[in-house]
Amino acid sequence: MKIPEGTLVVVADGGGARVFRNVGDERTPALKQEALLELVNMNDDGPAGTMPAESSGMQIDEATFAKQLAQGLNDGALKNSYRHLVLMADPQTLGRIRPLLHSETGERLLAEVAKTFTNAPLEDIERALA
């Protein structure tokens, strides 16, 4: 996959996300971390849509974080903060984020990688993109 210079690469799971920018070229990605995101204001916010009554507190927190992450990506797309986006997340988190993405965000999405890389070394993430 080709990842243009400046592409936003978000590596997430249900509890947090690492946000990188590709400072390399298309064929040889080199990521620089820009942010580390975590769930904020979980008592003031909640998950998007409805959750089954038997959902655990952790499941609700993960769904809430996915919603907050999607909102941040949508905001960035609408403000032209990035031109290209790659989402790397476990399948469950991707499934929670995907329906919340604005069409503008979707147009910038180059690829989705359904695998957990949040605790992976930077070299492993870059290798997965190459």
N, C-alpha and C. Protein backbone atom coordinates (compact mmCIF):
# COMPACT_ATOMS: atom_id res chain seq x y z
N MET A 1 0.85 -1.18 0.00
CA MET A 1 0.00 0.00 0.00
C MET A 1 0.89 1.23 0.00
N LYS A 2 0.47 2.24 -0.72
CA LYS A 2 1.22 3.49 -0.78
C LYS A 2 0.64 4.49 0.22
N ILE A 3 1.50 4.99 1.06
CA ILE A 3 1.10 5.94 2.10
C ILE A 3 1.81 7.26 1.82
N PRO A 4 1.12 8.24 1.21
CA PRO A 4 1.77 9.52 0.87
C PRO A 4 2.32 10.24 2.10
N GLU A 5 3.33 11.04 1.87
CA GLU A 5 3.89 11.87 2.94
C GLU A 5 2.78 12.74 3.51
N GLY A 6 2.75 12.87 4.83
CA GLY A 6 1.74 13.69 5.49
C GLY A 6 0.49 12.92 5.90
N THR A 7 0.40 11.65 5.50
CA THR A 7 -0.77 10.84 5.85
C THR A 7 -0.88 10.71 7.37
N LEU A 8 -2.09 10.85 7.88
CA LEU A 8 -2.38 10.63 9.29
C LEU A 8 -2.58 9.13 9.48
N VAL A 9 -1.84 8.54 10.41
CA VAL A 9 -1.96 7.11 10.71
C VAL A 9 -2.41 6.99 12.16
N VAL A 10 -3.60 6.42 12.36
CA VAL A 10 -4.16 6.28 13.70
C VAL A 10 -4.14 4.81 14.07
N VAL A 11 -3.45 4.51 15.16
CA VAL A 11 -3.32 3.14 15.66
C VAL A 11 -4.11 3.08 16.96
N ALA A 12 -5.24 2.35 16.94
CA ALA A 12 -6.17 2.42 18.08
C ALA A 12 -6.61 1.04 18.56
N ASP A 13 -7.08 1.04 19.79
CA ASP A 13 -7.84 -0.09 20.33
C ASP A 13 -8.94 0.54 21.18
N GLY A 14 -9.65 -0.25 21.93
CA GLY A 14 -10.77 0.27 22.70
C GLY A 14 -10.41 1.23 23.80
N GLY A 15 -9.12 1.28 24.18
CA GLY A 15 -8.74 2.11 25.30
C GLY A 15 -7.91 3.33 24.97
N GLY A 16 -7.41 3.41 23.75
CA GLY A 16 -6.57 4.55 23.41
C GLY A 16 -6.12 4.50 21.97
N ALA A 17 -5.40 5.53 21.58
CA ALA A 17 -4.89 5.60 20.22
C ALA A 17 -3.58 6.35 20.18
N ARG A 18 -2.72 5.93 19.29
CA ARG A 18 -1.49 6.64 18.98
C ARG A 18 -1.70 7.26 17.60
N VAL A 19 -1.41 8.54 17.48
CA VAL A 19 -1.62 9.25 16.23
C VAL A 19 -0.25 9.62 15.66
N PHE A 20 -0.01 9.19 14.43
CA PHE A 20 1.25 9.42 13.76
C PHE A 20 1.03 10.20 12.47
N ARG A 21 2.11 10.77 11.96
CA ARG A 21 2.11 11.40 10.65
C ARG A 21 3.26 10.75 9.87
N ASN A 22 3.00 10.40 8.61
CA ASN A 22 4.07 9.84 7.79
C ASN A 22 4.99 10.96 7.33
N VAL A 23 6.24 10.92 7.77
CA VAL A 23 7.22 11.91 7.36
C VAL A 23 8.17 11.31 6.32
N GLY A 24 7.91 10.05 5.94
CA GLY A 24 8.70 9.39 4.89
C GLY A 24 8.01 9.57 3.55
N ASP A 25 8.43 8.77 2.58
CA ASP A 25 7.79 8.85 1.27
C ASP A 25 6.78 7.71 1.11
N GLU A 26 6.14 7.65 -0.04
CA GLU A 26 5.08 6.66 -0.29
C GLU A 26 5.53 5.23 -0.08
N ARG A 27 6.74 4.92 -0.54
CA ARG A 27 7.21 3.53 -0.50
C ARG A 27 7.88 3.16 0.81
N THR A 28 8.39 4.16 1.51
CA THR A 28 9.10 3.88 2.76
C THR A 28 8.53 4.78 3.86
N PRO A 29 7.43 4.34 4.48
CA PRO A 29 6.84 5.16 5.53
C PRO A 29 7.78 5.33 6.72
N ALA A 30 7.80 6.51 7.27
CA ALA A 30 8.54 6.82 8.49
C ALA A 30 7.56 7.62 9.35
N LEU A 31 7.16 7.04 10.46
CA LEU A 31 6.12 7.66 11.28
C LEU A 31 6.69 8.48 12.42
N LYS A 32 6.07 9.62 12.63
CA LYS A 32 6.40 10.48 13.77
C LYS A 32 5.14 10.63 14.61
N GLN A 33 5.23 10.28 15.89
CA GLN A 33 4.05 10.35 16.76
C GLN A 33 3.69 11.80 17.05
N GLU A 34 2.39 12.11 16.88
CA GLU A 34 1.88 13.46 17.14
C GLU A 34 1.05 13.54 18.41
N ALA A 35 0.39 12.43 18.75
CA ALA A 35 -0.50 12.48 19.92
C ALA A 35 -0.72 11.09 20.48
N LEU A 36 -1.12 11.07 21.73
CA LEU A 36 -1.54 9.86 22.42
C LEU A 36 -2.92 10.18 23.00
N LEU A 37 -3.94 9.47 22.54
CA LEU A 37 -5.32 9.78 22.93
C LEU A 37 -5.86 8.73 23.89
N GLU A 38 -6.66 9.18 24.84
CA GLU A 38 -7.33 8.30 25.78
C GLU A 38 -8.76 8.78 25.96
N LEU A 39 -9.58 7.94 26.55
CA LEU A 39 -10.96 8.28 26.83
C LEU A 39 -11.01 9.51 27.75
N VAL A 40 -11.83 10.49 27.36
CA VAL A 40 -11.99 11.68 28.20
C VAL A 40 -13.46 11.86 28.56
N ASN A 41 -13.70 12.38 29.74
CA ASN A 41 -15.06 12.70 30.20
C ASN A 41 -16.04 11.55 30.02
N MET A 42 -15.62 10.35 30.44
CA MET A 42 -16.49 9.20 30.22
C MET A 42 -17.83 9.34 30.93
N ASN A 43 -17.88 10.10 32.00
CA ASN A 43 -19.16 10.26 32.71
C ASN A 43 -20.06 11.29 32.03
N ASP A 44 -19.46 12.17 31.23
CA ASP A 44 -20.23 13.20 30.54
C ASP A 44 -20.64 12.77 29.14
N ASP A 45 -20.00 11.75 28.64
CA ASP A 45 -20.20 11.30 27.27
C ASP A 45 -20.64 9.84 27.35
N GLY A 46 -21.11 9.31 26.27
CA GLY A 46 -21.47 7.91 26.23
C GLY A 46 -21.25 7.38 24.85
N PRO A 47 -21.49 6.09 24.65
CA PRO A 47 -21.29 5.51 23.33
C PRO A 47 -22.34 6.02 22.35
N ALA A 48 -22.02 5.89 21.08
CA ALA A 48 -23.00 6.24 20.04
C ALA A 48 -24.03 5.13 19.96
N GLY A 49 -25.25 5.48 19.61
CA GLY A 49 -26.29 4.46 19.46
C GLY A 49 -26.66 3.83 20.78
N THR A 50 -27.10 2.59 20.71
CA THR A 50 -27.49 1.87 21.92
C THR A 50 -26.54 0.73 22.19
N MET A 51 -26.40 0.42 23.44
CA MET A 51 -25.57 -0.71 23.88
C MET A 51 -26.49 -1.73 24.53
N PRO A 52 -26.21 -3.03 24.36
CA PRO A 52 -27.02 -4.05 25.04
C PRO A 52 -26.99 -3.84 26.55
N ALA A 53 -28.10 -4.14 27.20
CA ALA A 53 -28.22 -3.93 28.65
C ALA A 53 -27.15 -4.68 29.43
N GLU A 54 -26.70 -5.82 28.90
CA GLU A 54 -25.70 -6.62 29.61
C GLU A 54 -24.26 -6.18 29.34
N SER A 55 -24.07 -5.04 28.69
CA SER A 55 -22.73 -4.53 28.40
C SER A 55 -22.00 -4.19 29.69
N SER A 56 -20.71 -4.55 29.74
CA SER A 56 -19.90 -4.23 30.91
C SER A 56 -19.46 -2.77 30.84
N GLY A 57 -18.99 -2.26 31.96
CA GLY A 57 -18.48 -0.90 32.00
C GLY A 57 -17.33 -0.71 31.03
N MET A 58 -16.48 -1.74 30.90
CA MET A 58 -15.35 -1.65 29.98
C MET A 58 -15.83 -1.58 28.53
N GLN A 59 -16.86 -2.35 28.19
CA GLN A 59 -17.40 -2.31 26.82
C GLN A 59 -18.00 -0.94 26.51
N ILE A 60 -18.67 -0.37 27.47
CA ILE A 60 -19.26 0.97 27.29
C ILE A 60 -18.15 2.01 27.12
N ASP A 61 -17.08 1.90 27.94
CA ASP A 61 -15.95 2.82 27.82
C ASP A 61 -15.28 2.70 26.45
N GLU A 62 -15.11 1.46 25.97
CA GLU A 62 -14.49 1.24 24.66
C GLU A 62 -15.35 1.84 23.54
N ALA A 63 -16.65 1.66 23.63
CA ALA A 63 -17.55 2.23 22.61
C ALA A 63 -17.54 3.75 22.68
N THR A 64 -17.45 4.29 23.89
CA THR A 64 -17.39 5.74 24.06
C THR A 64 -16.09 6.29 23.46
N PHE A 65 -14.98 5.60 23.70
CA PHE A 65 -13.72 6.05 23.12
C PHE A 65 -13.77 5.99 21.59
N ALA A 66 -14.34 4.94 21.04
CA ALA A 66 -14.46 4.83 19.58
C ALA A 66 -15.25 6.01 19.03
N LYS A 67 -16.31 6.40 19.72
CA LYS A 67 -17.11 7.55 19.29
C LYS A 67 -16.29 8.83 19.36
N GLN A 68 -15.56 9.03 20.45
CA GLN A 68 -14.74 10.23 20.59
C GLN A 68 -13.65 10.28 19.52
N LEU A 69 -13.05 9.14 19.22
CA LEU A 69 -12.02 9.08 18.20
C LEU A 69 -12.60 9.42 16.83
N ALA A 70 -13.75 8.85 16.51
CA ALA A 70 -14.41 9.13 15.23
C ALA A 70 -14.75 10.62 15.12
N GLN A 71 -15.24 11.20 16.21
CA GLN A 71 -15.57 12.63 16.20
C GLN A 71 -14.33 13.47 15.94
N GLY A 72 -13.20 13.11 16.55
CA GLY A 72 -11.95 13.83 16.33
C GLY A 72 -11.47 13.71 14.88
N LEU A 73 -11.59 12.50 14.30
CA LEU A 73 -11.20 12.30 12.91
C LEU A 73 -12.11 13.10 11.97
N ASN A 74 -13.40 13.10 12.27
CA ASN A 74 -14.35 13.86 11.46
C ASN A 74 -14.03 15.35 11.53
N ASP A 75 -13.76 15.84 12.73
CA ASP A 75 -13.43 17.25 12.91
C ASP A 75 -12.18 17.62 12.11
N GLY A 76 -11.16 16.76 12.17
CA GLY A 76 -9.93 16.99 11.43
C GLY A 76 -10.15 17.01 9.93
N ALA A 77 -11.00 16.12 9.44
CA ALA A 77 -11.29 16.07 8.00
C ALA A 77 -12.02 17.34 7.57
N LEU A 78 -13.00 17.75 8.36
CA LEU A 78 -13.78 18.94 8.00
C LEU A 78 -12.96 20.22 8.08
N LYS A 79 -11.90 20.20 8.89
CA LYS A 79 -11.02 21.37 9.01
C LYS A 79 -9.77 21.24 8.14
N ASN A 80 -9.75 20.22 7.30
CA ASN A 80 -8.60 19.96 6.41
C ASN A 80 -7.28 19.81 7.17
N SER A 81 -7.32 19.15 8.32
CA SER A 81 -6.10 18.91 9.10
C SER A 81 -5.26 17.80 8.50
N TYR A 82 -5.87 16.98 7.66
CA TYR A 82 -5.14 15.91 6.98
C TYR A 82 -5.82 15.62 5.64
N ARG A 83 -5.01 15.15 4.69
CA ARG A 83 -5.54 14.81 3.36
C ARG A 83 -5.79 13.32 3.22
N HIS A 84 -4.95 12.52 3.92
CA HIS A 84 -5.06 11.06 3.83
C HIS A 84 -5.05 10.47 5.23
N LEU A 85 -5.73 9.33 5.37
CA LEU A 85 -5.87 8.69 6.67
C LEU A 85 -5.72 7.19 6.52
N VAL A 86 -5.02 6.58 7.46
CA VAL A 86 -4.96 5.13 7.59
C VAL A 86 -5.39 4.80 9.01
N LEU A 87 -6.35 3.89 9.15
CA LEU A 87 -6.82 3.45 10.46
C LEU A 87 -6.31 2.04 10.72
N MET A 88 -5.63 1.86 11.84
CA MET A 88 -5.16 0.54 12.25
C MET A 88 -5.77 0.29 13.62
N ALA A 89 -6.63 -0.73 13.71
CA ALA A 89 -7.29 -1.02 14.98
C ALA A 89 -7.76 -2.46 14.98
N ASP A 90 -8.02 -2.96 16.17
CA ASP A 90 -8.58 -4.30 16.27
C ASP A 90 -9.95 -4.30 15.59
N PRO A 91 -10.39 -5.45 15.10
CA PRO A 91 -11.66 -5.50 14.35
C PRO A 91 -12.86 -4.92 15.09
N GLN A 92 -12.96 -5.14 16.38
CA GLN A 92 -14.10 -4.62 17.14
C GLN A 92 -14.10 -3.09 17.17
N THR A 93 -12.94 -2.50 17.42
CA THR A 93 -12.84 -1.05 17.45
C THR A 93 -13.12 -0.45 16.07
N LEU A 94 -12.56 -1.07 15.03
CA LEU A 94 -12.84 -0.60 13.66
C LEU A 94 -14.34 -0.65 13.39
N GLY A 95 -14.98 -1.72 13.84
CA GLY A 95 -16.42 -1.86 13.63
C GLY A 95 -17.23 -0.79 14.35
N ARG A 96 -16.71 -0.31 15.46
CA ARG A 96 -17.40 0.75 16.20
C ARG A 96 -17.15 2.12 15.58
N ILE A 97 -15.97 2.32 15.02
CA ILE A 97 -15.60 3.62 14.44
C ILE A 97 -16.23 3.82 13.07
N ARG A 98 -16.17 2.80 12.24
CA ARG A 98 -16.56 2.91 10.83
C ARG A 98 -17.91 3.59 10.60
N PRO A 99 -18.99 3.17 11.28
CA PRO A 99 -20.28 3.81 10.98
C PRO A 99 -20.39 5.25 11.46
N LEU A 100 -19.45 5.70 12.27
CA LEU A 100 -19.49 7.06 12.81
C LEU A 100 -18.69 8.06 11.97
N LEU A 101 -17.98 7.55 10.96
CA LEU A 101 -17.15 8.43 10.16
C LEU A 101 -17.98 9.24 9.17
N HIS A 102 -17.72 10.53 9.13
CA HIS A 102 -18.36 11.45 8.20
C HIS A 102 -17.92 11.08 6.78
N SER A 103 -18.71 11.39 5.79
CA SER A 103 -18.36 11.07 4.41
C SER A 103 -17.04 11.74 4.00
N GLU A 104 -16.78 12.92 4.52
CA GLU A 104 -15.53 13.63 4.24
C GLU A 104 -14.34 12.85 4.79
N THR A 105 -14.50 12.22 5.94
CA THR A 105 -13.45 11.40 6.53
C THR A 105 -13.26 10.15 5.68
N GLY A 106 -14.36 9.55 5.27
CA GLY A 106 -14.31 8.34 4.45
C GLY A 106 -13.59 8.56 3.14
N GLU A 107 -13.73 9.73 2.56
CA GLU A 107 -13.05 10.03 1.29
C GLU A 107 -11.54 10.11 1.47
N ARG A 108 -11.09 10.41 2.67
CA ARG A 108 -9.65 10.54 2.94
C ARG A 108 -9.04 9.22 3.40
N LEU A 109 -9.87 8.24 3.69
CA LEU A 109 -9.41 6.96 4.22
C LEU A 109 -8.77 6.13 3.12
N LEU A 110 -7.46 5.93 3.23
CA LEU A 110 -6.72 5.14 2.24
C LEU A 110 -6.81 3.65 2.54
N ALA A 111 -6.78 3.30 3.83
CA ALA A 111 -6.77 1.88 4.19
C ALA A 111 -7.19 1.70 5.63
N GLU A 112 -7.71 0.50 5.90
CA GLU A 112 -7.99 0.04 7.26
C GLU A 112 -7.17 -1.22 7.47
N VAL A 113 -6.53 -1.31 8.61
CA VAL A 113 -5.79 -2.51 8.97
C VAL A 113 -6.43 -3.05 10.24
N ALA A 114 -7.09 -4.20 10.12
CA ALA A 114 -7.83 -4.78 11.25
C ALA A 114 -6.91 -5.67 12.07
N LYS A 115 -6.05 -5.04 12.83
CA LYS A 115 -5.11 -5.75 13.69
C LYS A 115 -4.70 -4.82 14.82
N THR A 116 -4.43 -5.38 15.98
CA THR A 116 -4.04 -4.57 17.13
C THR A 116 -2.55 -4.25 17.08
N PHE A 117 -2.24 -2.98 16.98
CA PHE A 117 -0.85 -2.51 16.94
C PHE A 117 -0.57 -1.47 18.02
N THR A 118 -1.51 -1.22 18.93
CA THR A 118 -1.33 -0.12 19.88
C THR A 118 -0.08 -0.25 20.74
N ASN A 119 0.30 -1.45 21.10
CA ASN A 119 1.50 -1.63 21.93
C ASN A 119 2.69 -2.13 21.12
N ALA A 120 2.55 -2.15 19.80
CA ALA A 120 3.62 -2.63 18.94
C ALA A 120 4.71 -1.58 18.79
N PRO A 121 5.95 -2.05 18.60
CA PRO A 121 7.04 -1.09 18.33
C PRO A 121 6.77 -0.35 17.02
N LEU A 122 7.29 0.84 16.94
CA LEU A 122 7.11 1.68 15.75
C LEU A 122 7.53 0.95 14.48
N GLU A 123 8.62 0.20 14.54
CA GLU A 123 9.13 -0.52 13.37
C GLU A 123 8.08 -1.51 12.84
N ASP A 124 7.34 -2.18 13.73
CA ASP A 124 6.32 -3.13 13.31
C ASP A 124 5.17 -2.43 12.61
N ILE A 125 4.80 -1.26 13.10
CA ILE A 125 3.72 -0.49 12.48
C ILE A 125 4.15 -0.03 11.10
N GLU A 126 5.36 0.49 10.99
CA GLU A 126 5.87 0.94 9.69
C GLU A 126 5.96 -0.22 8.71
N ARG A 127 6.40 -1.38 9.18
CA ARG A 127 6.50 -2.57 8.32
C ARG A 127 5.13 -2.98 7.82
N ALA A 128 4.10 -2.89 8.65
CA ALA A 128 2.75 -3.25 8.25
C ALA A 128 2.21 -2.30 7.17
N LEU A 129 2.71 -1.08 7.14
CA LEU A 129 2.29 -0.09 6.15
C LEU A 129 3.03 -0.21 4.83
N ALA A 130 4.24 -0.79 4.89
CA ALA A 130 5.09 -0.85 3.68
C ALA A 130 4.57 -1.84 2.66
